[in-house]
Amino acid sequence: MFKPVNRYIEIILPTPPVAQTTSGIVLPDDFKPSEERYEIVTVVSCASDVRFQALAIPASKIVVERSMIEEITVNNEKINVILDNYVVGIINK
């Protein structure tokens, strides 16, 4: 089991939508639509020293800077993490 340390937060990224066109135009396989600068992600777990107590609640939704998300591989499992200083906001339910 993975446990983040040093102000890291383990997150789950939303599933990207399947690209479809209604016009019938075929897009190249390497085409990437423009991405937003920020992403809403779900908290899985966080280090004990994160600066926001609301992040200690699993399944919290937070807004992060997309370019700062790090993907690491641990025991052949891909895990996404981000430092707490790249959290832009917390979404309350």
PDB file of N, CA and C in Angstrom:
ATOM      1  N   MET A   1       0.833  -1.174   0.000  1.00  0.00           N
ATOM      2  CA  MET A   1       0.000   0.000   0.000  1.00  0.00           C
ATOM      3  C   MET A   1       0.880   1.241   0.000  1.00  0.00           C
ATOM      4  N   PHE A   2       0.506   2.215  -0.795  1.00  0.00           N
ATOM      5  CA  PHE A   2       1.271   3.448  -0.943  1.00  0.00           C
ATOM      6  C   PHE A   2       0.768   4.499   0.041  1.00  0.00           C
ATOM      7  N   LYS A   3       1.679   5.152   0.746  1.00  0.00           N
ATOM      8  CA  LYS A   3       1.340   6.241   1.670  1.00  0.00           C
ATOM      9  C   LYS A   3       2.235   7.431   1.328  1.00  0.00           C
ATOM     10  N   PRO A   4       1.656   8.546   0.857  1.00  0.00           N
ATOM     11  CA  PRO A   4       2.469   9.714   0.516  1.00  0.00           C
ATOM     12  C   PRO A   4       3.106  10.348   1.759  1.00  0.00           C
ATOM     13  N   VAL A   5       4.273  10.955   1.572  1.00  0.00           N
ATOM     14  CA  VAL A   5       4.975  11.696   2.622  1.00  0.00           C
ATOM     15  C   VAL A   5       5.462  13.019   2.032  1.00  0.00           C
ATOM     16  N   ASN A   6       6.054  13.872   2.858  1.00  0.00           N
ATOM     17  CA  ASN A   6       6.641  15.150   2.427  1.00  0.00           C
ATOM     18  C   ASN A   6       5.657  16.038   1.677  1.00  0.00           C
ATOM     19  N   ARG A   7       4.444  16.203   2.237  1.00  0.00           N
ATOM     20  CA  ARG A   7       3.419  17.096   1.716  1.00  0.00           C
ATOM     21  C   ARG A   7       2.846  16.655   0.370  1.00  0.00           C
ATOM     22  N   TYR A   8       3.041  15.395  -0.003  1.00  0.00           N
ATOM     23  CA  TYR A   8       2.439  14.886  -1.240  1.00  0.00           C
ATOM     24  C   TYR A   8       1.019  14.394  -0.979  1.00  0.00           C
ATOM     25  N   ILE A   9       0.204  14.487  -2.016  1.00  0.00           N
ATOM     26  CA  ILE A   9      -1.183  14.035  -1.977  1.00  0.00           C
ATOM     27  C   ILE A   9      -1.366  13.030  -3.107  1.00  0.00           C
ATOM     28  N   GLU A  10      -1.877  11.850  -2.775  1.00  0.00           N
ATOM     29  CA  GLU A  10      -2.198  10.869  -3.812  1.00  0.00           C
ATOM     30  C   GLU A  10      -3.578  11.209  -4.357  1.00  0.00           C
ATOM     31  N   ILE A  11      -3.687  11.260  -5.680  1.00  0.00           N
ATOM     32  CA  ILE A  11      -4.941  11.672  -6.305  1.00  0.00           C
ATOM     33  C   ILE A  11      -5.368  10.693  -7.397  1.00  0.00           C
ATOM     34  N   ILE A  12      -6.652  10.773  -7.744  1.00  0.00           N
ATOM     35  CA  ILE A  12      -7.191  10.041  -8.885  1.00  0.00           C
ATOM     36  C   ILE A  12      -7.661  11.073  -9.898  1.00  0.00           C
ATOM     37  N   LEU A  13      -7.199  10.916 -11.127  1.00  0.00           N
ATOM     38  CA  LEU A  13      -7.622  11.810 -12.202  1.00  0.00           C
ATOM     39  C   LEU A  13      -8.964  11.349 -12.756  1.00  0.00           C
ATOM     40  N   PRO A  14      -9.784  12.281 -13.225  1.00  0.00           N
ATOM     41  CA  PRO A  14     -11.045  11.868 -13.838  1.00  0.00           C
ATOM     42  C   PRO A  14     -10.775  11.126 -15.146  1.00  0.00           C
ATOM     43  N   THR A  15     -11.696  10.266 -15.524  1.00  0.00           N
ATOM     44  CA  THR A  15     -11.566   9.530 -16.776  1.00  0.00           C
ATOM     45  C   THR A  15     -11.787  10.489 -17.936  1.00  0.00           C
ATOM     46  N   PRO A  16     -10.834  10.546 -18.876  1.00  0.00           N
ATOM     47  CA  PRO A  16     -11.011  11.484 -19.990  1.00  0.00           C
ATOM     48  C   PRO A  16     -12.152  11.033 -20.901  1.00  0.00           C
ATOM     49  N   PRO A  17     -12.904  11.983 -21.431  1.00  0.00           N
ATOM     50  CA  PRO A  17     -13.990  11.606 -22.331  1.00  0.00           C
ATOM     51  C   PRO A  17     -13.445  11.063 -23.648  1.00  0.00           C
ATOM     52  N   VAL A  18     -14.208  10.187 -24.271  1.00  0.00           N
ATOM     53  CA  VAL A  18     -13.816   9.624 -25.561  1.00  0.00           C
ATOM     54  C   VAL A  18     -14.059  10.690 -26.625  1.00  0.00           C
ATOM     55  N   ALA A  19     -13.039  10.941 -27.435  1.00  0.00           N
ATOM     56  CA  ALA A  19     -13.160  11.969 -28.472  1.00  0.00           C
ATOM     57  C   ALA A  19     -14.035  11.456 -29.607  1.00  0.00           C
ATOM     58  N   GLN A  20     -15.105  12.163 -29.878  1.00  0.00           N
ATOM     59  CA  GLN A  20     -15.997  11.823 -30.977  1.00  0.00           C
ATOM     60  C   GLN A  20     -16.314  13.089 -31.741  1.00  0.00           C
ATOM     61  N   THR A  21     -16.525  12.922 -33.020  1.00  0.00           N
ATOM     62  CA  THR A  21     -16.916  14.077 -33.817  1.00  0.00           C
ATOM     63  C   THR A  21     -18.309  13.836 -34.371  1.00  0.00           C
ATOM     64  N   THR A  22     -19.105  14.870 -34.383  1.00  0.00           N
ATOM     65  CA  THR A  22     -20.448  14.763 -34.952  1.00  0.00           C
ATOM     66  C   THR A  22     -20.446  15.150 -36.422  1.00  0.00           C
ATOM     67  N   SER A  23     -19.362  15.778 -36.855  1.00  0.00           N
ATOM     68  CA  SER A  23     -19.298  16.223 -38.239  1.00  0.00           C
ATOM     69  C   SER A  23     -18.836  15.130 -39.189  1.00  0.00           C
ATOM     70  N   GLY A  24     -18.327  14.032 -38.648  1.00  0.00           N
ATOM     71  CA  GLY A  24     -17.840  12.954 -39.500  1.00  0.00           C
ATOM     72  C   GLY A  24     -16.404  13.147 -39.933  1.00  0.00           C
ATOM     73  N   ILE A  25     -15.745  14.180 -39.435  1.00  0.00           N
ATOM     74  CA  ILE A  25     -14.347  14.424 -39.789  1.00  0.00           C
ATOM     75  C   ILE A  25     -13.474  13.487 -38.961  1.00  0.00           C
ATOM     76  N   VAL A  26     -12.576  12.795 -39.619  1.00  0.00           N
ATOM     77  CA  VAL A  26     -11.679  11.867 -38.940  1.00  0.00           C
ATOM     78  C   VAL A  26     -10.446  12.638 -38.487  1.00  0.00           C
ATOM     79  N   LEU A  27     -10.143  12.521 -37.202  1.00  0.00           N
ATOM     80  CA  LEU A  27      -8.990  13.210 -36.632  1.00  0.00           C
ATOM     81  C   LEU A  27      -7.798  12.268 -36.596  1.00  0.00           C
ATOM     82  N   PRO A  28      -6.588  12.792 -36.747  1.00  0.00           N
ATOM     83  CA  PRO A  28      -5.397  11.944 -36.652  1.00  0.00           C
ATOM     84  C   PRO A  28      -5.295  11.309 -35.268  1.00  0.00           C
ATOM     85  N   ASP A  29      -4.650  10.143 -35.188  1.00  0.00           N
ATOM     86  CA  ASP A  29      -4.495   9.443 -33.907  1.00  0.00           C
ATOM     87  C   ASP A  29      -3.718  10.258 -32.888  1.00  0.00           C
ATOM     88  N   ASP A  30      -2.787  11.081 -33.345  1.00  0.00           N
ATOM     89  CA  ASP A  30      -1.963  11.859 -32.411  1.00  0.00           C
ATOM     90  C   ASP A  30      -2.568  13.226 -32.069  1.00  0.00           C
ATOM     91  N   PHE A  31      -3.799  13.484 -32.511  1.00  0.00           N
ATOM     92  CA  PHE A  31      -4.465  14.756 -32.210  1.00  0.00           C
ATOM     93  C   PHE A  31      -4.817  14.819 -30.732  1.00  0.00           C
ATOM     94  N   LYS A  32      -4.471  15.942 -30.100  1.00  0.00           N
ATOM     95  CA  LYS A  32      -4.823  16.162 -28.696  1.00  0.00           C
ATOM     96  C   LYS A  32      -5.594  17.470 -28.618  1.00  0.00           C
ATOM     97  N   PRO A  33      -6.826  17.430 -28.111  1.00  0.00           N
ATOM     98  CA  PRO A  33      -7.549  18.687 -27.937  1.00  0.00           C
ATOM     99  C   PRO A  33      -6.868  19.526 -26.861  1.00  0.00           C
ATOM    100  N   SER A  34      -7.058  20.824 -26.912  1.00  0.00           N
ATOM    101  CA  SER A  34      -6.436  21.683 -25.917  1.00  0.00           C
ATOM    102  C   SER A  34      -6.963  21.323 -24.527  1.00  0.00           C
ATOM    103  N   GLU A  35      -6.063  21.344 -23.571  1.00  0.00           N
ATOM    104  CA  GLU A  35      -6.425  20.972 -22.205  1.00  0.00           C
ATOM    105  C   GLU A  35      -6.504  22.217 -21.335  1.00  0.00           C
ATOM    106  N   GLU A  36      -7.362  22.129 -20.346  1.00  0.00           N
ATOM    107  CA  GLU A  36      -7.474  23.204 -19.363  1.00  0.00           C
ATOM    108  C   GLU A  36      -6.202  23.234 -18.511  1.00  0.00           C
ATOM    109  N   ARG A  37      -5.905  24.377 -17.956  1.00  0.00           N
ATOM    110  CA  ARG A  37      -4.721  24.517 -17.099  1.00  0.00           C
ATOM    111  C   ARG A  37      -4.919  23.828 -15.753  1.00  0.00           C
ATOM    112  N   TYR A  38      -6.174  23.756 -15.291  1.00  0.00           N
ATOM    113  CA  TYR A  38      -6.464  23.196 -13.980  1.00  0.00           C
ATOM    114  C   TYR A  38      -7.353  21.959 -14.121  1.00  0.00           C
ATOM    115  N   GLU A  39      -7.301  21.092 -13.134  1.00  0.00           N
ATOM    116  CA  GLU A  39      -8.047  19.836 -13.146  1.00  0.00           C
ATOM    117  C   GLU A  39      -8.688  19.617 -11.781  1.00  0.00           C
ATOM    118  N   ILE A  40      -9.903  19.091 -11.787  1.00  0.00           N
ATOM    119  CA  ILE A  40     -10.552  18.689 -10.535  1.00  0.00           C
ATOM    120  C   ILE A  40     -10.241  17.214 -10.346  1.00  0.00           C
ATOM    121  N   VAL A  41      -9.618  16.879  -9.210  1.00  0.00           N
ATOM    122  CA  VAL A  41      -9.199  15.508  -8.929  1.00  0.00           C
ATOM    123  C   VAL A  41      -9.761  15.065  -7.579  1.00  0.00           C
ATOM    124  N   THR A  42      -9.673  13.773  -7.323  1.00  0.00           N
ATOM    125  CA  THR A  42     -10.160  13.195  -6.072  1.00  0.00           C
ATOM    126  C   THR A  42      -8.978  12.775  -5.209  1.00  0.00           C
ATOM    127  N   VAL A  43      -9.016  13.133  -3.935  1.00  0.00           N
ATOM    128  CA  VAL A  43      -7.951  12.776  -2.993  1.00  0.00           C
ATOM    129  C   VAL A  43      -8.112  11.314  -2.568  1.00  0.00           C
ATOM    130  N   VAL A  44      -7.030  10.551  -2.628  1.00  0.00           N
ATOM    131  CA  VAL A  44      -7.017   9.167  -2.144  1.00  0.00           C
ATOM    132  C   VAL A  44      -6.453   9.146  -0.727  1.00  0.00           C
ATOM    133  N   SER A  45      -5.284   9.748  -0.582  1.00  0.00           N
ATOM    134  CA  SER A  45      -4.644   9.847   0.736  1.00  0.00           C
ATOM    135  C   SER A  45      -3.635  10.986   0.663  1.00  0.00           C
ATOM    136  N   CYS A  46      -3.149  11.388   1.823  1.00  0.00           N
ATOM    137  CA  CYS A  46      -2.173  12.473   1.833  1.00  0.00           C
ATOM    138  C   CYS A  46      -1.187  12.278   2.981  1.00  0.00           C
ATOM    139  N   ALA A  47      -0.062  12.963   2.861  1.00  0.00           N
ATOM    140  CA  ALA A  47       0.946  12.925   3.913  1.00  0.00           C
ATOM    141  C   ALA A  47       0.408  13.599   5.167  1.00  0.00           C
ATOM    142  N   SER A  48       0.952  13.237   6.292  1.00  0.00           N
ATOM    143  CA  SER A  48       0.474  13.805   7.560  1.00  0.00           C
ATOM    144  C   SER A  48       0.835  15.274   7.715  1.00  0.00           C
ATOM    145  N   ASP A  49       1.772  15.768   6.916  1.00  0.00           N
ATOM    146  CA  ASP A  49       2.194  17.157   7.052  1.00  0.00           C
ATOM    147  C   ASP A  49       1.631  18.094   5.981  1.00  0.00           C
ATOM    148  N   VAL A  50       0.544  17.698   5.280  1.00  0.00           N
ATOM    149  CA  VAL A  50      -0.074  18.628   4.326  1.00  0.00           C
ATOM    150  C   VAL A  50      -0.621  19.826   5.085  1.00  0.00           C
ATOM    151  N   ARG A  51      -0.672  20.957   4.411  1.00  0.00           N
ATOM    152  CA  ARG A  51      -1.019  22.202   5.084  1.00  0.00           C
ATOM    153  C   ARG A  51      -2.516  22.481   5.158  1.00  0.00           C
ATOM    154  N   PHE A  52      -3.345  21.623   4.588  1.00  0.00           N
ATOM    155  CA  PHE A  52      -4.785  21.857   4.595  1.00  0.00           C
ATOM    156  C   PHE A  52      -5.475  20.669   5.243  1.00  0.00           C
ATOM    157  N   GLN A  53      -6.102  20.868   6.365  1.00  0.00           N
ATOM    158  CA  GLN A  53      -6.752  19.778   7.090  1.00  0.00           C
ATOM    159  C   GLN A  53      -7.870  19.143   6.268  1.00  0.00           C
ATOM    160  N   ALA A  54      -8.522  19.899   5.398  1.00  0.00           N
ATOM    161  CA  ALA A  54      -9.613  19.348   4.583  1.00  0.00           C
ATOM    162  C   ALA A  54      -9.119  18.251   3.645  1.00  0.00           C
ATOM    163  N   LEU A  55      -7.832  18.233   3.338  1.00  0.00           N
ATOM    164  CA  LEU A  55      -7.292  17.207   2.442  1.00  0.00           C
ATOM    165  C   LEU A  55      -7.137  15.868   3.134  1.00  0.00           C
ATOM    166  N   ALA A  56      -7.222  15.840   4.439  1.00  0.00           N
ATOM    167  CA  ALA A  56      -7.094  14.583   5.172  1.00  0.00           C
ATOM    168  C   ALA A  56      -8.328  13.710   5.004  1.00  0.00           C
ATOM    169  N   ILE A  57      -9.380  14.251   4.417  1.00  0.00           N
ATOM    170  CA  ILE A  57     -10.615  13.488   4.207  1.00  0.00           C
ATOM    171  C   ILE A  57     -10.542  12.817   2.837  1.00  0.00           C
ATOM    172  N   PRO A  58     -10.469  11.476   2.789  1.00  0.00           N
ATOM    173  CA  PRO A  58     -10.450  10.798   1.493  1.00  0.00           C
ATOM    174  C   PRO A  58     -11.709  11.122   0.691  1.00  0.00           C
ATOM    175  N   ALA A  59     -11.581  11.113  -0.610  1.00  0.00           N
ATOM    176  CA  ALA A  59     -12.647  11.401  -1.572  1.00  0.00           C
ATOM    177  C   ALA A  59     -12.961  12.887  -1.673  1.00  0.00           C
ATOM    178  N   SER A  60     -12.157  13.752  -1.047  1.00  0.00           N
ATOM    179  CA  SER A  60     -12.327  15.193  -1.223  1.00  0.00           C
ATOM    180  C   SER A  60     -12.004  15.537  -2.671  1.00  0.00           C
ATOM    181  N   LYS A  61     -12.647  16.562  -3.169  1.00  0.00           N
ATOM    182  CA  LYS A  61     -12.373  17.061  -4.525  1.00  0.00           C
ATOM    183  C   LYS A  61     -11.539  18.322  -4.392  1.00  0.00           C
ATOM    184  N   ILE A  62     -10.447  18.384  -5.155  1.00  0.00           N
ATOM    185  CA  ILE A  62      -9.585  19.553  -5.117  1.00  0.00           C
ATOM    186  C   ILE A  62      -9.279  19.997  -6.546  1.00  0.00           C
ATOM    187  N   VAL A  63      -8.918  21.255  -6.676  1.00  0.00           N
ATOM    188  CA  VAL A  63      -8.505  21.811  -7.960  1.00  0.00           C
ATOM    189  C   VAL A  63      -6.992  21.963  -7.924  1.00  0.00           C
ATOM    190  N   VAL A  64      -6.314  21.390  -8.923  1.00  0.00           N
ATOM    191  CA  VAL A  64      -4.851  21.418  -8.960  1.00  0.00           C
ATOM    192  C   VAL A  64      -4.376  21.907 -10.324  1.00  0.00           C
ATOM    193  N   GLU A  65      -3.140  22.350 -10.352  1.00  0.00           N
ATOM    194  CA  GLU A  65      -2.522  22.737 -11.618  1.00  0.00           C
ATOM    195  C   GLU A  65      -2.106  21.461 -12.349  1.00  0.00           C
ATOM    196  N   ARG A  66      -2.688  21.254 -13.514  1.00  0.00           N
ATOM    197  CA  ARG A  66      -2.504  20.007 -14.265  1.00  0.00           C
ATOM    198  C   ARG A  66      -1.038  19.675 -14.551  1.00  0.00           C
ATOM    199  N   SER A  67      -0.252  20.667 -14.903  1.00  0.00           N
ATOM    200  CA  SER A  67       1.135  20.397 -15.300  1.00  0.00           C
ATOM    201  C   SER A  67       2.006  19.923 -14.137  1.00  0.00           C
ATOM    202  N   MET A  68       1.527  20.071 -12.907  1.00  0.00           N
ATOM    203  CA  MET A  68       2.327  19.696 -11.753  1.00  0.00           C
ATOM    204  C   MET A  68       1.995  18.295 -11.217  1.00  0.00           C
ATOM    205  N   ILE A  69       1.060  17.614 -11.849  1.00  0.00           N
ATOM    206  CA  ILE A  69       0.726  16.245 -11.440  1.00  0.00           C
ATOM    207  C   ILE A  69       1.861  15.323 -11.858  1.00  0.00           C
ATOM    208  N   GLU A  70       2.313  14.517 -10.931  1.00  0.00           N
ATOM    209  CA  GLU A  70       3.395  13.564 -11.199  1.00  0.00           C
ATOM    210  C   GLU A  70       2.830  12.146 -11.221  1.00  0.00           C
ATOM    211  N   GLU A  71       3.227  11.370 -12.222  1.00  0.00           N
ATOM    212  CA  GLU A  71       2.813   9.972 -12.282  1.00  0.00           C
ATOM    213  C   GLU A  71       4.025   9.115 -11.933  1.00  0.00           C
ATOM    214  N   ILE A  72       3.865   8.275 -10.925  1.00  0.00           N
ATOM    215  CA  ILE A  72       4.948   7.377 -10.526  1.00  0.00           C
ATOM    216  C   ILE A  72       4.454   5.943 -10.616  1.00  0.00           C
ATOM    217  N   THR A  73       5.378   5.007 -10.704  1.00  0.00           N
ATOM    218  CA  THR A  73       5.026   3.594 -10.750  1.00  0.00           C
ATOM    219  C   THR A  73       5.616   2.904  -9.533  1.00  0.00           C
ATOM    220  N   VAL A  74       4.745   2.241  -8.768  1.00  0.00           N
ATOM    221  CA  VAL A  74       5.155   1.501  -7.580  1.00  0.00           C
ATOM    222  C   VAL A  74       4.560   0.102  -7.702  1.00  0.00           C
ATOM    223  N   ASN A  75       5.411  -0.919  -7.704  1.00  0.00           N
ATOM    224  CA  ASN A  75       4.963  -2.308  -7.849  1.00  0.00           C
ATOM    225  C   ASN A  75       4.054  -2.478  -9.062  1.00  0.00           C
ATOM    226  N   ASN A  76       4.475  -1.938 -10.199  1.00  0.00           N
ATOM    227  CA  ASN A  76       3.740  -2.016 -11.468  1.00  0.00           C
ATOM    228  C   ASN A  76       2.370  -1.352 -11.424  1.00  0.00           C
ATOM    229  N   GLU A  77       2.140  -0.464 -10.472  1.00  0.00           N
ATOM    230  CA  GLU A  77       0.887   0.276 -10.366  1.00  0.00           C
ATOM    231  C   GLU A  77       1.186   1.761 -10.555  1.00  0.00           C
ATOM    232  N   LYS A  78       0.430   2.414 -11.445  1.00  0.00           N
ATOM    233  CA  LYS A  78       0.623   3.848 -11.673  1.00  0.00           C
ATOM    234  C   LYS A  78      -0.145   4.638 -10.625  1.00  0.00           C
ATOM    235  N   ILE A  79       0.561   5.593 -10.015  1.00  0.00           N
ATOM    236  CA  ILE A  79      -0.010   6.415  -8.950  1.00  0.00           C
ATOM    237  C   ILE A  79       0.243   7.873  -9.313  1.00  0.00           C
ATOM    238  N   ASN A  80      -0.784   8.709  -9.173  1.00  0.00           N
ATOM    239  CA  ASN A  80      -0.653  10.137  -9.424  1.00  0.00           C
ATOM    240  C   ASN A  80      -0.552  10.867  -8.092  1.00  0.00           C
ATOM    241  N   VAL A  81       0.439  11.767  -8.012  1.00  0.00           N
ATOM    242  CA  VAL A  81       0.636  12.548  -6.795  1.00  0.00           C
ATOM    243  C   VAL A  81       0.868  14.011  -7.164  1.00  0.00           C
ATOM    244  N   ILE A  82       0.639  14.879  -6.194  1.00  0.00           N
ATOM    245  CA  ILE A  82       0.907  16.305  -6.371  1.00  0.00           C
ATOM    246  C   ILE A  82       1.284  16.887  -5.008  1.00  0.00           C
ATOM    247  N   LEU A  83       2.151  17.872  -5.012  1.00  0.00           N
ATOM    248  CA  LEU A  83       2.517  18.557  -3.772  1.00  0.00           C
ATOM    249  C   LEU A  83       1.378  19.471  -3.337  1.00  0.00           C
ATOM    250  N   ASP A  84       1.239  19.660  -2.036  1.00  0.00           N
ATOM    251  CA  ASP A  84       0.116  20.470  -1.536  1.00  0.00           C
ATOM    252  C   ASP A  84       0.188  21.934  -1.962  1.00  0.00           C
ATOM    253  N   ASN A  85       1.365  22.451  -2.313  1.00  0.00           N
ATOM    254  CA  ASN A  85       1.425  23.849  -2.734  1.00  0.00           C
ATOM    255  C   ASN A  85       0.899  24.070  -4.151  1.00  0.00           C
ATOM    256  N   TYR A  86       0.530  23.004  -4.871  1.00  0.00           N
ATOM    257  CA  TYR A  86      -0.091  23.143  -6.196  1.00  0.00           C
ATOM    258  C   TYR A  86      -1.597  22.940  -6.135  1.00  0.00           C
ATOM    259  N   VAL A  87      -2.149  22.861  -4.922  1.00  0.00           N
ATOM    260  CA  VAL A  87      -3.589  22.810  -4.752  1.00  0.00           C
ATOM    261  C   VAL A  87      -4.104  24.235  -4.815  1.00  0.00           C
ATOM    262  N   VAL A  88      -4.989  24.486  -5.765  1.00  0.00           N
ATOM    263  CA  VAL A  88      -5.527  25.829  -5.966  1.00  0.00           C
ATOM    264  C   VAL A  88      -6.770  26.045  -5.107  1.00  0.00           C
ATOM    265  N   GLY A  89      -7.533  24.962  -4.893  1.00  0.00           N
ATOM    266  CA  GLY A  89      -8.744  25.104  -4.099  1.00  0.00           C
ATOM    267  C   GLY A  89      -9.332  23.762  -3.701  1.00  0.00           C
ATOM    268  N   ILE A  90     -10.247  23.815  -2.743  1.00  0.00           N
ATOM    269  CA  ILE A  90     -10.947  22.639  -2.248  1.00  0.00           C
ATOM    270  C   ILE A  90     -12.414  22.824  -2.572  1.00  0.00           C
ATOM    271  N   ILE A  91     -13.032  21.811  -3.145  1.00  0.00           N
ATOM    272  CA  ILE A  91     -14.442  21.889  -3.504  1.00  0.00           C
ATOM    273  C   ILE A  91     -15.260  21.260  -2.384  1.00  0.00           C
ATOM    274  N   ASN A  92     -16.115  22.049  -1.767  1.00  0.00           N
ATOM    275  CA  ASN A  92     -16.977  21.554  -0.704  1.00  0.00           C
ATOM    276  C   ASN A  92     -18.210  20.925  -1.314  1.00  0.00           C
ATOM    277  N   LYS A  93     -18.676  19.879  -0.667  1.00  0.00           N
ATOM    278  CA  LYS A  93     -19.880  19.189  -1.154  1.00  0.00           C
ATOM    279  C   LYS A  93     -21.115  19.931  -0.784  1.00  0.00           C
TER     280      LYS A  93
END
